[in-house]
Amino acid sequence: MTERRAILSGSAFEEQIGYARAVVDGDLVHVSGTTGFDYTTMTISEDVVAQAEQCLRNIEAALAAAGCGFPDVVRVRYLLPERADFEPCWPVLRRAFGEVRPAATMLVCGLADPRMRIEIEVYARRPSAV
């Protein structure tokens, strides 16, 4: 039987809305759209680059809890309300994914909270079932 396990980050949103930061399904890891909130303090920077950095810290923690990391990411989606905010984030994103080269999509769309300037969602494959 395939393992299915939810990973929680402690975000108030997970409890209020009813979802997990990530779900491990066998060797696949699905990380929910992750924002720039520091989930321990539920605070968020106004700066989009700082938000992107925090998104990646949140994602890295979820991937580690699932038994993998950025090198295992196969798909990434970037969601931003403002197209112009994407390019300033490129150096931060390149540090995480530049060697990995996952399939990627960037979408311009509204986010759940007007303070959110970027949301990142990733899919990864664990090197071996843990």
Protein backbone atom coordinates (compact mmCIF):
# COMPACT_ATOMS: atom_id res chain seq x y z
CA MET A 1 0.00 0.00 0.00
CA THR A 2 1.28 3.50 -0.86
CA GLU A 3 2.12 5.76 2.05
CA ARG A 4 0.00 8.92 2.30
CA ARG A 5 1.00 11.42 4.95
CA ALA A 6 0.15 15.06 5.63
CA ILE A 7 2.87 17.52 6.66
CA LEU A 8 1.77 20.56 8.66
CA SER A 9 3.80 23.74 9.12
CA GLY A 10 1.83 25.27 11.95
CA SER A 11 0.37 27.96 9.69
CA ALA A 12 -2.93 29.33 10.99
CA PHE A 13 -4.19 29.09 7.39
CA GLU A 14 -3.85 25.30 7.39
CA GLU A 15 -6.14 25.02 10.39
CA GLN A 16 -8.60 27.71 9.28
CA ILE A 17 -8.96 26.47 5.70
CA GLY A 18 -8.37 22.73 6.24
CA TYR A 19 -5.31 21.72 4.23
CA ALA A 20 -1.75 20.49 4.71
CA ARG A 21 1.47 22.31 3.78
CA ALA A 22 2.47 19.17 1.90
CA VAL A 23 1.21 15.67 1.21
CA VAL A 24 3.52 12.72 0.73
CA ASP A 25 1.96 10.10 -1.53
CA GLY A 26 4.46 7.28 -1.95
CA ASP A 27 7.52 8.82 -3.56
CA LEU A 28 5.63 11.96 -4.67
CA VAL A 29 5.57 15.12 -2.57
CA HIS A 30 2.97 17.80 -3.28
CA VAL A 31 3.73 21.11 -1.54
CA SER A 32 0.78 23.48 -1.32
CA GLY A 33 0.98 27.02 -2.56
CA THR A 34 3.30 28.57 0.01
CA THR A 35 3.44 32.27 0.78
CA GLY A 36 5.99 34.56 2.37
CA PHE A 37 4.48 34.37 5.83
CA ASP A 38 6.77 33.31 8.64
CA TYR A 39 4.40 30.67 9.94
CA THR A 40 5.80 30.71 13.47
CA THR A 41 4.94 34.40 13.95
CA MET A 42 2.32 34.75 11.17
CA THR A 43 4.10 37.90 9.98
CA ILE A 44 4.98 38.84 6.41
CA SER A 45 7.40 41.34 4.88
CA GLU A 46 6.14 43.99 2.48
CA ASP A 47 9.11 43.28 0.15
CA VAL A 48 8.45 40.73 -2.61
CA VAL A 49 12.04 39.42 -2.61
CA ALA A 50 11.95 38.89 1.15
CA GLN A 51 8.63 37.10 0.67
CA ALA A 52 10.16 34.85 -2.01
CA GLU A 53 13.03 34.00 0.35
CA GLN A 54 10.56 33.12 3.12
CA CYS A 55 8.46 31.06 0.68
CA LEU A 56 11.55 29.01 -0.10
CA ARG A 57 12.41 28.54 3.60
CA ASN A 58 8.84 27.32 4.20
CA ILE A 59 9.03 24.98 1.21
CA GLU A 60 12.47 23.70 2.20
CA ALA A 61 11.12 22.79 5.67
CA ALA A 62 8.16 20.92 4.14
CA LEU A 63 10.42 19.05 1.71
CA ALA A 64 12.81 18.10 4.53
CA ALA A 65 9.90 16.76 6.58
CA ALA A 66 8.98 14.65 3.54
CA GLY A 67 12.51 13.26 3.21
CA CYS A 68 13.70 15.27 0.22
CA GLY A 69 14.91 18.72 -0.81
CA PHE A 70 15.20 21.22 -3.64
CA PRO A 71 17.25 18.80 -5.81
CA ASP A 72 14.18 16.53 -5.90
CA VAL A 73 11.75 19.21 -7.19
CA VAL A 74 10.33 18.38 -10.63
CA ARG A 75 7.66 21.10 -10.98
CA VAL A 76 7.25 24.63 -9.64
CA ARG A 77 4.48 27.19 -10.03
CA TYR A 78 4.91 30.87 -9.22
CA LEU A 79 1.77 32.90 -8.54
CA LEU A 80 1.97 36.68 -8.30
CA PRO A 81 -0.66 39.43 -8.35
CA GLU A 82 1.76 41.81 -10.10
CA ARG A 83 3.78 40.69 -13.15
CA ALA A 84 6.48 43.30 -12.43
CA ASP A 85 7.26 41.61 -9.08
CA PHE A 86 8.49 38.41 -10.72
CA GLU A 87 11.81 39.51 -12.21
CA PRO A 88 13.21 40.95 -8.94
CA CYS A 89 12.74 37.44 -7.44
CA TRP A 90 14.73 35.64 -10.15
CA PRO A 91 18.09 35.59 -8.31
CA VAL A 92 16.45 34.05 -5.22
CA LEU A 93 14.60 31.48 -7.32
CA ARG A 94 17.72 30.67 -9.34
CA ARG A 95 19.63 29.90 -6.11
CA ALA A 96 17.01 27.28 -5.20
CA PHE A 97 16.24 25.84 -8.64
CA GLY A 98 19.03 26.88 -11.04
CA GLU A 99 20.85 23.55 -10.88
CA VAL A 100 17.65 21.49 -10.61
CA ARG A 101 15.81 23.00 -13.60
CA PRO A 102 12.27 21.88 -12.73
CA ALA A 103 9.41 22.49 -15.14
CA ALA A 104 8.00 25.90 -14.19
CA THR A 105 5.02 28.17 -14.76
CA MET A 106 4.39 31.74 -13.65
CA LEU A 107 0.82 32.95 -13.33
CA VAL A 108 -0.52 36.42 -12.62
CA CYS A 109 -3.53 36.08 -10.34
CA GLY A 110 -5.12 37.34 -7.16
CA LEU A 111 -3.92 35.83 -3.87
CA ALA A 112 -5.93 35.23 -0.69
CA ASP A 113 -4.50 38.18 1.27
CA PRO A 114 -3.52 41.55 -0.23
CA ARG A 115 -0.22 41.47 1.74
CA MET A 116 0.83 38.36 -0.22
CA ARG A 117 2.98 39.28 -3.23
CA ILE A 118 4.16 35.80 -4.26
CA GLU A 119 3.05 32.22 -3.71
CA ILE A 120 5.11 29.19 -4.75
CA GLU A 121 3.91 25.61 -5.20
CA VAL A 122 6.22 22.65 -5.86
CA TYR A 123 6.07 18.97 -6.65
CA ALA A 124 8.99 16.68 -5.85
CA ARG A 125 9.89 13.01 -6.14
CA ARG A 126 11.62 11.49 -3.13
CA PRO A 127 14.82 9.65 -4.00
CA SER A 128 13.39 6.52 -2.36
CA ALA A 129 10.32 5.80 -0.31
CA VAL A 130 11.14 6.77 3.29
